[in-house]
Amino acid sequence: MVAEPSIIGDISFNRSVVLLADHNTEGSIGFILNKLLDFNLSELVPGVEKDFKIYNGGPVEQDNLYFIHKVPDLIPGSIEIDKGIFWGGNFEVVKSLIANNLIFEEDIKFFLGYSGWDTNQLDTELNANAWIVIENKDNKNILQKNSTDFWKVKMQELGGEYLIWSNAPENPSYN
């Protein structure tokens, strides 16, 4: 999902690209893919020596670490959420894979928090045109997308009336 330009001022979702991990009658869960935080995994997890980037996954449970990846054969307990993209799994195994240089940043993406919607809440937002639902054509490569330009690129891909937003400043009053 790509945030409509009209949700300017929403601290959590302004210019966000969200990978929806689960959507059912009880609610929805996703991760913001393009909101890089100012610290890394080695600063949050004792014993991890690698500086894997951390992203703001959303406003819910920001004191918890989540991850998506494309190596389910290496991480037991993973759940497939899209073609070749998996959520979670055994974190102790992940730490061991990192320590032994068997998993790399192009294989896994870490998030503090997640984006969550109660029953029908996301449907209400979709009906209010707060989000543009697009098919994930990036598949496994979505983990490597440049976080700073990801929303802009999606606006360009949508074309038409969205093109003007791809070059607009994040805060229009700066224009």
C-alpha atoms as a PDB file:
ATOM      1  CA  MET A   1       0.000   0.000   0.000  1.00  0.00           C
ATOM      2  CA  VAL A   2       1.195   3.498  -0.796  1.00  0.00           C
ATOM      3  CA  ALA A   3       0.074   6.476   1.263  1.00  0.00           C
ATOM      4  CA  GLU A   4      -1.955   8.981  -0.704  1.00  0.00           C
ATOM      5  CA  PRO A   5      -0.356  12.425  -0.821  1.00  0.00           C
ATOM      6  CA  SER A   6      -3.502  13.649   0.954  1.00  0.00           C
ATOM      7  CA  ILE A   7      -2.408  12.220   4.323  1.00  0.00           C
ATOM      8  CA  ILE A   8       0.143  15.005   4.786  1.00  0.00           C
ATOM      9  CA  GLY A   9       0.697  15.700   8.455  1.00  0.00           C
ATOM     10  CA  ASP A  10       0.138  12.118   9.585  1.00  0.00           C
ATOM     11  CA  ILE A  11       3.375  11.537  11.462  1.00  0.00           C
ATOM     12  CA  SER A  12       3.275   7.762  11.121  1.00  0.00           C
ATOM     13  CA  PHE A  13       2.127   7.297   7.557  1.00  0.00           C
ATOM     14  CA  ASN A  14       3.013  10.420   5.574  1.00  0.00           C
ATOM     15  CA  ARG A  15       4.824   9.236   2.416  1.00  0.00           C
ATOM     16  CA  SER A  16       4.802   5.630   3.595  1.00  0.00           C
ATOM     17  CA  VAL A  17       4.994   2.440   1.589  1.00  0.00           C
ATOM     18  CA  VAL A  18       3.509  -0.409   3.634  1.00  0.00           C
ATOM     19  CA  LEU A  19       3.879  -4.116   2.987  1.00  0.00           C
ATOM     20  CA  LEU A  20       0.654  -5.707   4.185  1.00  0.00           C
ATOM     21  CA  ALA A  21       1.537  -8.907   6.043  1.00  0.00           C
ATOM     22  CA  ASP A  22      -1.963 -10.026   7.026  1.00  0.00           C
ATOM     23  CA  HIS A  23      -5.468  -8.803   6.266  1.00  0.00           C
ATOM     24  CA  ASN A  24      -8.493 -10.687   7.565  1.00  0.00           C
ATOM     25  CA  THR A  25     -11.826 -10.163   9.345  1.00  0.00           C
ATOM     26  CA  GLU A  26     -10.061  -9.509  12.669  1.00  0.00           C
ATOM     27  CA  GLY A  27      -7.806  -6.744  11.345  1.00  0.00           C
ATOM     28  CA  SER A  28      -4.652  -6.035   9.391  1.00  0.00           C
ATOM     29  CA  ILE A  29      -0.916  -5.935  10.028  1.00  0.00           C
ATOM     30  CA  GLY A  30       1.826  -4.428   7.904  1.00  0.00           C
ATOM     31  CA  PHE A  31       5.284  -2.880   7.998  1.00  0.00           C
ATOM     32  CA  ILE A  32       6.352   0.540   6.746  1.00  0.00           C
ATOM     33  CA  LEU A  33       9.218  -0.203   4.367  1.00  0.00           C
ATOM     34  CA  ASN A  34      10.681   3.264   3.910  1.00  0.00           C
ATOM     35  CA  LYS A  35      11.071   4.916   7.332  1.00  0.00           C
ATOM     36  CA  LEU A  36      14.691   4.331   8.315  1.00  0.00           C
ATOM     37  CA  LEU A  37      15.546   4.955  11.972  1.00  0.00           C
ATOM     38  CA  ASP A  38      18.755   6.522  13.287  1.00  0.00           C
ATOM     39  CA  PHE A  39      20.147   3.425  14.967  1.00  0.00           C
ATOM     40  CA  ASN A  40      21.016  -0.120  14.007  1.00  0.00           C
ATOM     41  CA  LEU A  41      20.604  -3.687  15.218  1.00  0.00           C
ATOM     42  CA  SER A  42      23.898  -3.827  17.124  1.00  0.00           C
ATOM     43  CA  GLU A  43      22.701  -0.918  19.270  1.00  0.00           C
ATOM     44  CA  LEU A  44      19.471  -2.727  20.196  1.00  0.00           C
ATOM     45  CA  VAL A  45      20.371  -6.392  20.504  1.00  0.00           C
ATOM     46  CA  PRO A  46      23.171  -7.467  22.850  1.00  0.00           C
ATOM     47  CA  GLY A  47      25.662  -9.790  21.189  1.00  0.00           C
ATOM     48  CA  VAL A  48      24.898  -8.667  17.629  1.00  0.00           C
ATOM     49  CA  GLU A  49      27.995  -7.066  16.154  1.00  0.00           C
ATOM     50  CA  LYS A  50      26.670  -6.156  12.697  1.00  0.00           C
ATOM     51  CA  ASP A  51      25.094  -2.801  11.907  1.00  0.00           C
ATOM     52  CA  PHE A  52      21.915  -3.953  10.176  1.00  0.00           C
ATOM     53  CA  LYS A  53      19.528  -1.046   9.579  1.00  0.00           C
ATOM     54  CA  ILE A  54      16.338  -0.681  11.603  1.00  0.00           C
ATOM     55  CA  TYR A  55      13.112   0.741  10.180  1.00  0.00           C
ATOM     56  CA  ASN A  56      10.041   2.193  11.831  1.00  0.00           C
ATOM     57  CA  GLY A  57       7.511  -0.525  11.059  1.00  0.00           C
ATOM     58  CA  GLY A  58       4.597   1.498  12.376  1.00  0.00           C
ATOM     59  CA  PRO A  59       3.112   3.071  15.469  1.00  0.00           C
ATOM     60  CA  VAL A  60       2.081  -0.167  17.235  1.00  0.00           C
ATOM     61  CA  GLU A  61       4.376  -1.909  19.762  1.00  0.00           C
ATOM     62  CA  GLN A  62       7.427   0.175  18.919  1.00  0.00           C
ATOM     63  CA  ASP A  63       9.341  -1.476  21.732  1.00  0.00           C
ATOM     64  CA  ASN A  64       9.273  -4.809  19.867  1.00  0.00           C
ATOM     65  CA  LEU A  65      11.557  -5.904  17.040  1.00  0.00           C
ATOM     66  CA  TYR A  66      10.053  -7.572  13.962  1.00  0.00           C
ATOM     67  CA  PHE A  67      11.625  -8.799  10.746  1.00  0.00           C
ATOM     68  CA  ILE A  68      10.763  -9.892   7.233  1.00  0.00           C
ATOM     69  CA  HIS A  69      13.134 -11.888   5.059  1.00  0.00           C
ATOM     70  CA  LYS A  70      13.568 -14.043   1.981  1.00  0.00           C
ATOM     71  CA  VAL A  71      15.457 -17.016   3.473  1.00  0.00           C
ATOM     72  CA  PRO A  72      12.877 -19.334   5.069  1.00  0.00           C
ATOM     73  CA  ASP A  73      15.157 -22.314   4.554  1.00  0.00           C
ATOM     74  CA  LEU A  74      17.582 -20.716   7.061  1.00  0.00           C
ATOM     75  CA  ILE A  75      15.031 -19.376   9.587  1.00  0.00           C
ATOM     76  CA  PRO A  76      12.639 -21.930  11.111  1.00  0.00           C
ATOM     77  CA  GLY A  77       9.143 -20.762  11.986  1.00  0.00           C
ATOM     78  CA  SER A  78       8.832 -18.251   9.138  1.00  0.00           C
ATOM     79  CA  ILE A  79       5.421 -17.397   7.691  1.00  0.00           C
ATOM     80  CA  GLU A  80       5.111 -16.580   3.993  1.00  0.00           C
ATOM     81  CA  ILE A  81       3.271 -13.273   3.539  1.00  0.00           C
ATOM     82  CA  ASP A  82       3.867 -12.692  -0.163  1.00  0.00           C
ATOM     83  CA  LYS A  83       5.619 -14.380  -3.058  1.00  0.00           C
ATOM     84  CA  GLY A  84       9.036 -15.187  -1.565  1.00  0.00           C
ATOM     85  CA  ILE A  85       8.732 -12.796   1.404  1.00  0.00           C
ATOM     86  CA  PHE A  86       8.507 -14.211   4.916  1.00  0.00           C
ATOM     87  CA  TRP A  87       7.696 -12.787   8.339  1.00  0.00           C
ATOM     88  CA  GLY A  88       9.385 -13.741  11.581  1.00  0.00           C
ATOM     89  CA  GLY A  89      10.856 -17.013  12.682  1.00  0.00           C
ATOM     90  CA  ASN A  90      13.383 -18.078  15.279  1.00  0.00           C
ATOM     91  CA  PHE A  91      15.286 -14.949  16.327  1.00  0.00           C
ATOM     92  CA  GLU A  92      18.064 -16.907  18.067  1.00  0.00           C
ATOM     93  CA  VAL A  93      18.777 -18.561  14.713  1.00  0.00           C
ATOM     94  CA  VAL A  94      18.778 -15.117  13.049  1.00  0.00           C
ATOM     95  CA  LYS A  95      21.369 -13.854  15.538  1.00  0.00           C
ATOM     96  CA  SER A  96      23.534 -16.910  14.852  1.00  0.00           C
ATOM     97  CA  LEU A  97      23.213 -16.436  11.089  1.00  0.00           C
ATOM     98  CA  ILE A  98      24.293 -12.800  11.455  1.00  0.00           C
ATOM     99  CA  ALA A  99      27.247 -13.712  13.679  1.00  0.00           C
ATOM    100  CA  ASN A 100      28.419 -16.335  11.196  1.00  0.00           C
ATOM    101  CA  ASN A 101      27.967 -14.113   8.121  1.00  0.00           C
ATOM    102  CA  LEU A 102      25.302 -16.420   6.711  1.00  0.00           C
ATOM    103  CA  ILE A 103      22.614 -13.770   6.316  1.00  0.00           C
ATOM    104  CA  PHE A 104      22.988 -10.264   4.903  1.00  0.00           C
ATOM    105  CA  GLU A 105      20.982  -7.023   4.808  1.00  0.00           C
ATOM    106  CA  GLU A 106      19.687  -7.848   1.349  1.00  0.00           C
ATOM    107  CA  ASP A 107      18.088 -10.974   2.896  1.00  0.00           C
ATOM    108  CA  ILE A 108      16.360  -9.443   5.924  1.00  0.00           C
ATOM    109  CA  LYS A 109      14.798  -6.190   7.110  1.00  0.00           C
ATOM    110  CA  PHE A 110      14.246  -5.263  10.776  1.00  0.00           C
ATOM    111  CA  PHE A 111      11.488  -3.056  12.178  1.00  0.00           C
ATOM    112  CA  LEU A 112      10.607  -1.495  15.489  1.00  0.00           C
ATOM    113  CA  GLY A 113       6.856  -1.710  15.739  1.00  0.00           C
ATOM    114  CA  TYR A 114       4.279  -2.528  13.128  1.00  0.00           C
ATOM    115  CA  SER A 115       1.289  -0.954  11.455  1.00  0.00           C
ATOM    116  CA  GLY A 116      -1.974  -2.382  12.734  1.00  0.00           C
ATOM    117  CA  TRP A 117      -5.631  -1.825  11.991  1.00  0.00           C
ATOM    118  CA  ASP A 118      -8.640  -3.158  13.899  1.00  0.00           C
ATOM    119  CA  THR A 119     -11.544  -4.915  12.216  1.00  0.00           C
ATOM    120  CA  ASN A 120     -12.760  -2.811   9.258  1.00  0.00           C
ATOM    121  CA  GLN A 121     -10.410   0.091  10.149  1.00  0.00           C
ATOM    122  CA  LEU A 122      -8.207  -0.412   7.089  1.00  0.00           C
ATOM    123  CA  ASP A 123     -11.270  -0.874   4.876  1.00  0.00           C
ATOM    124  CA  THR A 124     -12.562   2.476   6.155  1.00  0.00           C
ATOM    125  CA  GLU A 125      -9.220   4.126   5.321  1.00  0.00           C
ATOM    126  CA  LEU A 126      -9.222   2.522   1.877  1.00  0.00           C
ATOM    127  CA  ASN A 127     -12.764   3.768   1.229  1.00  0.00           C
ATOM    128  CA  ALA A 128     -11.622   7.251   2.302  1.00  0.00           C
ATOM    129  CA  ASN A 129      -8.818   7.057  -0.296  1.00  0.00           C
ATOM    130  CA  ALA A 130      -6.016   7.294   2.277  1.00  0.00           C
ATOM    131  CA  TRP A 131      -4.134   4.451   0.574  1.00  0.00           C
ATOM    132  CA  ILE A 132      -3.391   3.262  -2.928  1.00  0.00           C
ATOM    133  CA  VAL A 133      -3.318  -0.514  -3.079  1.00  0.00           C
ATOM    134  CA  ILE A 134      -0.768  -1.792  -5.550  1.00  0.00           C
ATOM    135  CA  GLU A 135       0.468  -5.249  -6.364  1.00  0.00           C
ATOM    136  CA  ASN A 136       3.911  -6.044  -5.017  1.00  0.00           C
ATOM    137  CA  LYS A 137       5.811  -6.346  -8.284  1.00  0.00           C
ATOM    138  CA  ASP A 138       9.116  -5.981  -6.445  1.00  0.00           C
ATOM    139  CA  ASN A 139       8.777  -9.415  -4.812  1.00  0.00           C
ATOM    140  CA  LYS A 140      11.991 -10.402  -3.021  1.00  0.00           C
ATOM    141  CA  ASN A 141      13.760  -7.220  -4.165  1.00  0.00           C
ATOM    142  CA  ILE A 142      11.484  -5.159  -1.931  1.00  0.00           C
ATOM    143  CA  LEU A 143      13.965  -5.660   0.911  1.00  0.00           C
ATOM    144  CA  GLN A 144      16.660  -3.739  -0.984  1.00  0.00           C
ATOM    145  CA  LYS A 145      14.586  -0.758  -2.108  1.00  0.00           C
ATOM    146  CA  ASN A 146      16.067   2.666  -1.310  1.00  0.00           C
ATOM    147  CA  SER A 147      14.023   3.820   1.659  1.00  0.00           C
ATOM    148  CA  THR A 148      14.421   7.544   1.025  1.00  0.00           C
ATOM    149  CA  ASP A 149      13.087   7.443  -2.552  1.00  0.00           C
ATOM    150  CA  PHE A 150      10.665   4.508  -2.354  1.00  0.00           C
ATOM    151  CA  TRP A 151       7.461   6.574  -1.996  1.00  0.00           C
ATOM    152  CA  LYS A 152       8.615   9.001  -4.707  1.00  0.00           C
ATOM    153  CA  VAL A 153       9.294   6.099  -7.096  1.00  0.00           C
ATOM    154  CA  LYS A 154       5.835   4.667  -6.407  1.00  0.00           C
ATOM    155  CA  MET A 155       4.264   8.070  -7.203  1.00  0.00           C
ATOM    156  CA  GLN A 156       6.188   8.123 -10.496  1.00  0.00           C
ATOM    157  CA  GLU A 157       5.074   4.585 -11.329  1.00  0.00           C
ATOM    158  CA  LEU A 158       1.444   5.534 -10.687  1.00  0.00           C
ATOM    159  CA  GLY A 159       1.854   8.457 -13.104  1.00  0.00           C
ATOM    160  CA  GLY A 160      -0.935  10.857 -14.008  1.00  0.00           C
ATOM    161  CA  GLU A 161      -1.994  13.110 -11.135  1.00  0.00           C
ATOM    162  CA  TYR A 162       0.619  11.491  -8.858  1.00  0.00           C
ATOM    163  CA  LEU A 163       3.608  12.694 -10.886  1.00  0.00           C
ATOM    164  CA  ILE A 164       3.455  16.179  -9.403  1.00  0.00           C
ATOM    165  CA  TRP A 165       3.721  14.698  -5.890  1.00  0.00           C
ATOM    166  CA  SER A 166       6.901  12.802  -6.723  1.00  0.00           C
ATOM    167  CA  ASN A 167       8.866  16.076  -6.771  1.00  0.00           C
ATOM    168  CA  ALA A 168       6.925  18.010  -4.134  1.00  0.00           C
ATOM    169  CA  PRO A 169       8.658  18.715  -0.816  1.00  0.00           C
ATOM    170  CA  GLU A 170       7.516  16.592   2.118  1.00  0.00           C
ATOM    171  CA  ASN A 171       6.121  19.721   3.751  1.00  0.00           C
ATOM    172  CA  PRO A 172       4.382  21.798   1.030  1.00  0.00           C
ATOM    173  CA  SER A 173       4.811  24.981   3.092  1.00  0.00           C
ATOM    174  CA  TYR A 174       8.555  24.735   2.331  1.00  0.00           C
ATOM    175  CA  ASN A 175       7.795  25.278  -1.347  1.00  0.00           C
END
